[in-house]
Amino acid sequence: MPDTVSVSPFSRLGIVVGMEAEASLIRPFLPDARFGLSGATLSGARQVVLDLLESGVDALLSFGLAAGLDPALDPGAVVIPQNVMVNGERLPASPALLSWLGADRADVVGGDLLHSDVIVTAATRKTALFRQTGCVALDMESGVVAEMAAARKVPFAVMRVVCDPADRTLPPAAVVALRPDGRLAVGALTRSILCDPLQIPALMRVGRDAGHARKAAQAALARRFG
């Protein structure tokens, strides 16, 4: 029988995501949580975490997609890290939140997650970061959540799903393809493709990987929260 947990160990959970498309994946399972959308920017992440903390949340969750650094992780791998590495420091996630999220499940990847202030698109850069840090995945919001939560002594955790694997270099169009609300930025996407039509096959692979990651995220949430 599936393991279902409907109630957070904290009564006022705040969830930080980059885009509305990510929020829409988890909101049906945790409808009482408060959400902050960063718009996939560093300044946006800082503002929404501050807003959530000022609103009185008693725990924070960073949720969404991530770039894979460990070459063993395929698109759709669910990562619930023990620590978030920010500026060389590893900040530990809350044991209570890790347990609630099901971090010990066989279908979940542990390890550490790396924060980056910028989008990392090149496979060579991902390889270098994995060698340097040992972190299994990377995103742009979790480090902000970890640092600001630690400063306020608020528990935090991270749940991320690998979208682009370590050996995949993102084409330029993939970086400009989405608006913060998750919709296609048609103008920017079209201009990028017209400048370099040869990136179309790579862009199609990115789309397939993203679709697989979203389905994996929904399945993982359903297994845990029913």
C-alpha atoms as a PDB file:
ATOM      1  CA  MET A   1       0.000   0.000   0.000  1.00  0.00           C
ATOM      2  CA  PRO A   2       1.450   3.440  -0.860  1.00  0.00           C
ATOM      3  CA  ASP A   3       2.964   5.488   1.903  1.00  0.00           C
ATOM      4  CA  THR A   4       0.799   8.595   2.219  1.00  0.00           C
ATOM      5  CA  VAL A   5       1.366  11.543   4.520  1.00  0.00           C
ATOM      6  CA  SER A   6      -1.033  14.433   4.293  1.00  0.00           C
ATOM      7  CA  VAL A   7       0.123  16.722   7.086  1.00  0.00           C
ATOM      8  CA  SER A   8       3.439  18.557   7.306  1.00  0.00           C
ATOM      9  CA  PRO A   9       5.312  18.360  10.624  1.00  0.00           C
ATOM     10  CA  PHE A  10       5.111  22.154  10.512  1.00  0.00           C
ATOM     11  CA  SER A  11       1.787  23.985  10.421  1.00  0.00           C
ATOM     12  CA  ARG A  12       2.726  26.900   8.142  1.00  0.00           C
ATOM     13  CA  LEU A  13       4.813  25.508   5.278  1.00  0.00           C
ATOM     14  CA  GLY A  14       6.197  27.861   2.620  1.00  0.00           C
ATOM     15  CA  ILE A  15       7.152  26.436  -0.771  1.00  0.00           C
ATOM     16  CA  VAL A  16       9.591  28.235  -3.072  1.00  0.00           C
ATOM     17  CA  VAL A  17       9.526  27.478  -6.801  1.00  0.00           C
ATOM     18  CA  GLY A  18      11.028  29.088  -9.857  1.00  0.00           C
ATOM     19  CA  MET A  19       7.934  29.090 -12.079  1.00  0.00           C
ATOM     20  CA  GLU A  20       4.182  28.646 -11.881  1.00  0.00           C
ATOM     21  CA  ALA A  21       4.559  25.451 -13.937  1.00  0.00           C
ATOM     22  CA  GLU A  22       6.478  23.945 -11.008  1.00  0.00           C
ATOM     23  CA  ALA A  23       4.009  25.226  -8.427  1.00  0.00           C
ATOM     24  CA  SER A  24       1.169  23.592 -10.357  1.00  0.00           C
ATOM     25  CA  LEU A  25       2.827  20.190  -9.876  1.00  0.00           C
ATOM     26  CA  ILE A  26       2.876  20.290  -6.076  1.00  0.00           C
ATOM     27  CA  ARG A  27      -0.030  22.606  -5.211  1.00  0.00           C
ATOM     28  CA  PRO A  28      -2.718  19.886  -5.603  1.00  0.00           C
ATOM     29  CA  PHE A  29      -0.924  17.737  -3.030  1.00  0.00           C
ATOM     30  CA  LEU A  30      -0.238  20.534  -0.522  1.00  0.00           C
ATOM     31  CA  PRO A  31      -3.046  23.034  -1.091  1.00  0.00           C
ATOM     32  CA  ASP A  32      -2.675  24.660   2.337  1.00  0.00           C
ATOM     33  CA  ALA A  33       0.970  25.640   1.806  1.00  0.00           C
ATOM     34  CA  ARG A  34       1.997  29.202   0.982  1.00  0.00           C
ATOM     35  CA  PHE A  35       3.817  29.595  -2.333  1.00  0.00           C
ATOM     36  CA  GLY A  36       6.533  31.958  -3.485  1.00  0.00           C
ATOM     37  CA  LEU A  37       7.437  32.186  -7.199  1.00  0.00           C
ATOM     38  CA  SER A  38      10.909  33.535  -7.864  1.00  0.00           C
ATOM     39  CA  GLY A  39      10.537  33.961 -11.623  1.00  0.00           C
ATOM     40  CA  ALA A  40      13.711  31.857 -11.917  1.00  0.00           C
ATOM     41  CA  THR A  41      15.885  34.799 -10.868  1.00  0.00           C
ATOM     42  CA  LEU A  42      18.228  35.236  -7.918  1.00  0.00           C
ATOM     43  CA  SER A  43      16.685  38.534  -6.836  1.00  0.00           C
ATOM     44  CA  GLY A  44      13.226  37.032  -7.169  1.00  0.00           C
ATOM     45  CA  ALA A  45      14.207  34.077  -4.984  1.00  0.00           C
ATOM     46  CA  ARG A  46      15.499  36.368  -2.259  1.00  0.00           C
ATOM     47  CA  GLN A  47      12.339  38.444  -2.327  1.00  0.00           C
ATOM     48  CA  VAL A  48       9.878  35.536  -2.180  1.00  0.00           C
ATOM     49  CA  VAL A  49      11.811  33.822   0.634  1.00  0.00           C
ATOM     50  CA  LEU A  50      11.790  37.079   2.574  1.00  0.00           C
ATOM     51  CA  ASP A  51       8.068  37.501   1.906  1.00  0.00           C
ATOM     52  CA  LEU A  52       7.336  33.970   3.110  1.00  0.00           C
ATOM     53  CA  LEU A  53       9.428  34.400   6.243  1.00  0.00           C
ATOM     54  CA  GLU A  54       7.770  37.738   6.999  1.00  0.00           C
ATOM     55  CA  SER A  55       4.352  36.122   6.524  1.00  0.00           C
ATOM     56  CA  GLY A  56       5.099  33.743   9.400  1.00  0.00           C
ATOM     57  CA  VAL A  57       5.914  30.404   7.772  1.00  0.00           C
ATOM     58  CA  ASP A  58       7.555  27.948  10.166  1.00  0.00           C
ATOM     59  CA  ALA A  59       9.310  25.831   7.513  1.00  0.00           C
ATOM     60  CA  LEU A  60      10.492  26.209   3.910  1.00  0.00           C
ATOM     61  CA  LEU A  61      10.598  23.765   1.004  1.00  0.00           C
ATOM     62  CA  SER A  62      12.462  24.406  -2.240  1.00  0.00           C
ATOM     63  CA  PHE A  63      10.685  22.470  -4.999  1.00  0.00           C
ATOM     64  CA  GLY A  64      11.039  22.134  -8.755  1.00  0.00           C
ATOM     65  CA  LEU A  65      13.371  20.967 -11.499  1.00  0.00           C
ATOM     66  CA  ALA A  66      17.160  20.810 -11.331  1.00  0.00           C
ATOM     67  CA  ALA A  67      20.211  20.210 -13.476  1.00  0.00           C
ATOM     68  CA  GLY A  68      21.942  16.890 -12.945  1.00  0.00           C
ATOM     69  CA  LEU A  69      25.617  16.903 -11.960  1.00  0.00           C
ATOM     70  CA  ASP A  70      26.036  13.220 -11.137  1.00  0.00           C
ATOM     71  CA  PRO A  71      26.320  11.412 -14.508  1.00  0.00           C
ATOM     72  CA  ALA A  72      24.437   8.454 -13.023  1.00  0.00           C
ATOM     73  CA  LEU A  73      21.213  10.478 -12.760  1.00  0.00           C
ATOM     74  CA  ASP A  74      18.755  10.377 -15.651  1.00  0.00           C
ATOM     75  CA  PRO A  75      15.964  12.893 -16.314  1.00  0.00           C
ATOM     76  CA  GLY A  76      13.215  12.220 -13.785  1.00  0.00           C
ATOM     77  CA  ALA A  77      15.517  11.298 -10.884  1.00  0.00           C
ATOM     78  CA  VAL A  78      14.007  12.622  -7.639  1.00  0.00           C
ATOM     79  CA  VAL A  79      16.584  14.326  -5.411  1.00  0.00           C
ATOM     80  CA  ILE A  80      15.949  15.083  -1.727  1.00  0.00           C
ATOM     81  CA  PRO A  81      19.380  16.243  -0.539  1.00  0.00           C
ATOM     82  CA  GLN A  82      20.774  16.034   2.966  1.00  0.00           C
ATOM     83  CA  ASN A  83      22.607  19.344   2.514  1.00  0.00           C
ATOM     84  CA  VAL A  84      22.622  22.372   0.228  1.00  0.00           C
ATOM     85  CA  MET A  85      26.054  23.714  -0.685  1.00  0.00           C
ATOM     86  CA  VAL A  86      26.211  27.521  -0.878  1.00  0.00           C
ATOM     87  CA  ASN A  87      29.476  29.416  -1.294  1.00  0.00           C
ATOM     88  CA  GLY A  88      31.434  26.388  -0.109  1.00  0.00           C
ATOM     89  CA  GLU A  89      29.290  25.821   2.990  1.00  0.00           C
ATOM     90  CA  ARG A  90      27.001  22.802   3.362  1.00  0.00           C
ATOM     91  CA  LEU A  91      23.767  23.719   5.121  1.00  0.00           C
ATOM     92  CA  PRO A  92      21.831  20.728   6.524  1.00  0.00           C
ATOM     93  CA  ALA A  93      18.176  20.161   5.748  1.00  0.00           C
ATOM     94  CA  SER A  94      15.693  19.561   8.560  1.00  0.00           C
ATOM     95  CA  PRO A  95      15.570  15.870   9.595  1.00  0.00           C
ATOM     96  CA  ALA A  96      11.840  16.192  10.296  1.00  0.00           C
ATOM     97  CA  LEU A  97      11.152  17.543   6.812  1.00  0.00           C
ATOM     98  CA  LEU A  98      13.428  14.956   5.199  1.00  0.00           C
ATOM     99  CA  SER A  99      11.511  12.193   6.933  1.00  0.00           C
ATOM    100  CA  TRP A 100       8.159  13.693   5.949  1.00  0.00           C
ATOM    101  CA  LEU A 101       9.246  13.984   2.309  1.00  0.00           C
ATOM    102  CA  GLY A 102      10.398  10.361   2.271  1.00  0.00           C
ATOM    103  CA  ALA A 103      14.110  10.991   1.808  1.00  0.00           C
ATOM    104  CA  ASP A 104      14.877   7.407   2.837  1.00  0.00           C
ATOM    105  CA  ARG A 105      12.756   5.848   0.096  1.00  0.00           C
ATOM    106  CA  ALA A 106      14.490   3.601  -2.421  1.00  0.00           C
ATOM    107  CA  ASP A 107      13.220   5.709  -5.335  1.00  0.00           C
ATOM    108  CA  VAL A 108      14.801   8.904  -3.986  1.00  0.00           C
ATOM    109  CA  VAL A 109      18.380  10.142  -4.477  1.00  0.00           C
ATOM    110  CA  GLY A 110      20.131  11.648  -1.452  1.00  0.00           C
ATOM    111  CA  GLY A 111      23.523  13.323  -1.424  1.00  0.00           C
ATOM    112  CA  ASP A 112      24.012  17.083  -1.559  1.00  0.00           C
ATOM    113  CA  LEU A 113      22.661  19.760  -3.882  1.00  0.00           C
ATOM    114  CA  LEU A 114      24.669  22.709  -5.198  1.00  0.00           C
ATOM    115  CA  HIS A 115      23.347  26.261  -5.410  1.00  0.00           C
ATOM    116  CA  SER A 116      24.299  28.389  -8.406  1.00  0.00           C
ATOM    117  CA  ASP A 117      23.680  32.094  -8.979  1.00  0.00           C
ATOM    118  CA  VAL A 118      23.600  31.500 -12.750  1.00  0.00           C
ATOM    119  CA  ILE A 119      22.120  28.952 -15.147  1.00  0.00           C
ATOM    120  CA  VAL A 120      24.664  26.230 -15.905  1.00  0.00           C
ATOM    121  CA  THR A 121      24.131  25.032 -19.468  1.00  0.00           C
ATOM    122  CA  ALA A 122      27.378  23.324 -20.525  1.00  0.00           C
ATOM    123  CA  ALA A 123      28.000  19.642 -19.892  1.00  0.00           C
ATOM    124  CA  THR A 124      31.691  20.348 -19.325  1.00  0.00           C
ATOM    125  CA  ARG A 125      30.821  22.795 -16.557  1.00  0.00           C
ATOM    126  CA  LYS A 126      28.482  20.290 -14.910  1.00  0.00           C
ATOM    127  CA  THR A 127      31.256  17.683 -14.991  1.00  0.00           C
ATOM    128  CA  ALA A 128      33.691  20.109 -13.380  1.00  0.00           C
ATOM    129  CA  LEU A 129      31.220  21.065 -10.646  1.00  0.00           C
ATOM    130  CA  PHE A 130      30.541  17.417  -9.839  1.00  0.00           C
ATOM    131  CA  ARG A 131      34.265  16.730  -9.495  1.00  0.00           C
ATOM    132  CA  GLN A 132      34.805  19.827  -7.367  1.00  0.00           C
ATOM    133  CA  THR A 133      31.841  19.474  -5.013  1.00  0.00           C
ATOM    134  CA  GLY A 134      30.473  15.932  -5.188  1.00  0.00           C
ATOM    135  CA  CYS A 135      26.977  17.439  -5.327  1.00  0.00           C
ATOM    136  CA  VAL A 136      24.504  15.376  -7.336  1.00  0.00           C
ATOM    137  CA  ALA A 137      22.380  18.220  -8.760  1.00  0.00           C
ATOM    138  CA  LEU A 138      22.151  22.006  -9.031  1.00  0.00           C
ATOM    139  CA  ASP A 139      19.510  24.726  -8.983  1.00  0.00           C
ATOM    140  CA  MET A 140      19.153  28.500  -8.455  1.00  0.00           C
ATOM    141  CA  GLU A 141      16.637  28.765  -5.589  1.00  0.00           C
ATOM    142  CA  SER A 142      17.634  26.205  -2.964  1.00  0.00           C
ATOM    143  CA  GLY A 143      20.745  28.031  -1.757  1.00  0.00           C
ATOM    144  CA  VAL A 144      18.726  31.176  -1.122  1.00  0.00           C
ATOM    145  CA  VAL A 145      16.172  29.130   0.814  1.00  0.00           C
ATOM    146  CA  ALA A 146      18.901  27.386   2.815  1.00  0.00           C
ATOM    147  CA  GLU A 147      20.847  30.539   3.714  1.00  0.00           C
ATOM    148  CA  MET A 148      17.852  32.643   4.669  1.00  0.00           C
ATOM    149  CA  ALA A 149      16.199  29.795   6.568  1.00  0.00           C
ATOM    150  CA  ALA A 150      19.410  29.139   8.505  1.00  0.00           C
ATOM    151  CA  ALA A 151      19.737  32.841   9.345  1.00  0.00           C
ATOM    152  CA  ARG A 152      16.199  32.857  10.752  1.00  0.00           C
ATOM    153  CA  LYS A 153      16.585  29.405  12.342  1.00  0.00           C
ATOM    154  CA  VAL A 154      13.673  28.111  10.248  1.00  0.00           C
ATOM    155  CA  PRO A 155      13.751  24.443   9.152  1.00  0.00           C
ATOM    156  CA  PHE A 156      14.097  23.827   5.418  1.00  0.00           C
ATOM    157  CA  ALA A 157      14.326  21.002   2.902  1.00  0.00           C
ATOM    158  CA  VAL A 158      14.602  20.557  -0.854  1.00  0.00           C
ATOM    159  CA  MET A 159      12.804  18.296  -3.321  1.00  0.00           C
ATOM    160  CA  ARG A 160      14.035  18.564  -6.889  1.00  0.00           C
ATOM    161  CA  VAL A 161      13.660  16.463 -10.041  1.00  0.00           C
ATOM    162  CA  VAL A 162      16.472  16.230 -12.583  1.00  0.00           C
ATOM    163  CA  CYS A 163      15.484  17.733 -15.919  1.00  0.00           C
ATOM    164  CA  ASP A 164      18.706  18.160 -17.912  1.00  0.00           C
ATOM    165  CA  PRO A 165      21.245  15.396 -17.152  1.00  0.00           C
ATOM    166  CA  ALA A 166      24.947  15.957 -16.552  1.00  0.00           C
ATOM    167  CA  ASP A 167      25.985  15.007 -20.088  1.00  0.00           C
ATOM    168  CA  ARG A 168      23.495  17.349 -21.760  1.00  0.00           C
ATOM    169  CA  THR A 169      24.480  20.837 -22.918  1.00  0.00           C
ATOM    170  CA  LEU A 170      21.412  23.019 -23.186  1.00  0.00           C
ATOM    171  CA  PRO A 171      20.912  24.802 -26.513  1.00  0.00           C
ATOM    172  CA  PRO A 172      20.573  28.602 -26.334  1.00  0.00           C
ATOM    173  CA  ALA A 173      16.848  28.443 -27.127  1.00  0.00           C
ATOM    174  CA  ALA A 174      16.173  26.370 -24.007  1.00  0.00           C
ATOM    175  CA  VAL A 175      17.431  29.166 -21.782  1.00  0.00           C
ATOM    176  CA  VAL A 176      15.026  31.731 -23.262  1.00  0.00           C
ATOM    177  CA  ALA A 177      12.126  29.388 -24.023  1.00  0.00           C
ATOM    178  CA  LEU A 178      10.050  29.831 -20.857  1.00  0.00           C
ATOM    179  CA  ARG A 179       8.522  32.802 -19.123  1.00  0.00           C
ATOM    180  CA  PRO A 180       8.381  32.851 -15.301  1.00  0.00           C
ATOM    181  CA  ASP A 181       4.751  31.680 -15.417  1.00  0.00           C
ATOM    182  CA  GLY A 182       5.825  28.587 -17.335  1.00  0.00           C
ATOM    183  CA  ARG A 183       4.396  29.645 -20.688  1.00  0.00           C
ATOM    184  CA  LEU A 184       6.457  29.724 -23.855  1.00  0.00           C
ATOM    185  CA  ALA A 185       8.310  32.931 -24.619  1.00  0.00           C
ATOM    186  CA  VAL A 186       7.416  32.588 -28.288  1.00  0.00           C
ATOM    187  CA  GLY A 187       9.240  35.667 -29.560  1.00  0.00           C
ATOM    188  CA  ALA A 188      12.540  34.925 -27.847  1.00  0.00           C
ATOM    189  CA  LEU A 189      12.322  31.253 -28.770  1.00  0.00           C
ATOM    190  CA  THR A 190      11.654  32.016 -32.431  1.00  0.00           C
ATOM    191  CA  ARG A 191      14.523  34.502 -32.648  1.00  0.00           C
ATOM    192  CA  SER A 192      16.942  32.010 -31.116  1.00  0.00           C
ATOM    193  CA  ILE A 193      15.919  29.243 -33.518  1.00  0.00           C
ATOM    194  CA  LEU A 194      16.157  31.548 -36.539  1.00  0.00           C
ATOM    195  CA  CYS A 195      19.680  32.508 -35.482  1.00  0.00           C
ATOM    196  CA  ASP A 196      20.693  28.848 -35.150  1.00  0.00           C
ATOM    197  CA  PRO A 197      18.286  26.294 -36.699  1.00  0.00           C
ATOM    198  CA  LEU A 198      20.767  23.481 -36.010  1.00  0.00           C
ATOM    199  CA  GLN A 199      19.807  23.562 -32.319  1.00  0.00           C
ATOM    200  CA  ILE A 200      16.295  22.236 -33.036  1.00  0.00           C
ATOM    201  CA  PRO A 201      17.087  18.526 -32.389  1.00  0.00           C
ATOM    202  CA  ALA A 202      18.747  19.389 -29.071  1.00  0.00           C
ATOM    203  CA  LEU A 203      15.786  21.591 -28.153  1.00  0.00           C
ATOM    204  CA  MET A 204      13.400  18.715 -28.843  1.00  0.00           C
ATOM    205  CA  ARG A 205      15.417  16.479 -26.517  1.00  0.00           C
ATOM    206  CA  VAL A 206      15.189  19.134 -23.809  1.00  0.00           C
ATOM    207  CA  GLY A 207      11.418  19.213 -24.250  1.00  0.00           C
ATOM    208  CA  ARG A 208      11.184  15.435 -23.900  1.00  0.00           C
ATOM    209  CA  ASP A 209      13.386  15.494 -20.800  1.00  0.00           C
ATOM    210  CA  ALA A 210      11.303  18.263 -19.238  1.00  0.00           C
ATOM    211  CA  GLY A 211       8.091  16.363 -19.882  1.00  0.00           C
ATOM    212  CA  HIS A 212       9.581  13.233 -18.330  1.00  0.00           C
ATOM    213  CA  ALA A 213      10.777  15.208 -15.305  1.00  0.00           C
ATOM    214  CA  ARG A 214       7.336  16.721 -14.731  1.00  0.00           C
ATOM    215  CA  LYS A 215       5.666  13.295 -14.904  1.00  0.00           C
ATOM    216  CA  ALA A 216       8.265  11.896 -12.504  1.00  0.00           C
ATOM    217  CA  ALA A 217       7.645  14.765 -10.083  1.00  0.00           C
ATOM    218  CA  GLN A 218       3.894  14.141 -10.128  1.00  0.00           C
ATOM    219  CA  ALA A 219       4.401  10.415  -9.629  1.00  0.00           C
ATOM    220  CA  ALA A 220       6.775  10.950  -6.709  1.00  0.00           C
ATOM    221  CA  LEU A 221       4.360  13.367  -5.053  1.00  0.00           C
ATOM    222  CA  ALA A 222       1.471  10.960  -5.567  1.00  0.00           C
ATOM    223  CA  ARG A 223       3.451   8.081  -4.045  1.00  0.00           C
ATOM    224  CA  ARG A 224       4.283  10.147  -0.994  1.00  0.00           C
ATOM    225  CA  PHE A 225       1.173  12.250  -0.475  1.00  0.00           C
ATOM    226  CA  GLY A 226      -1.463  10.290  -2.337  1.00  0.00           C
END
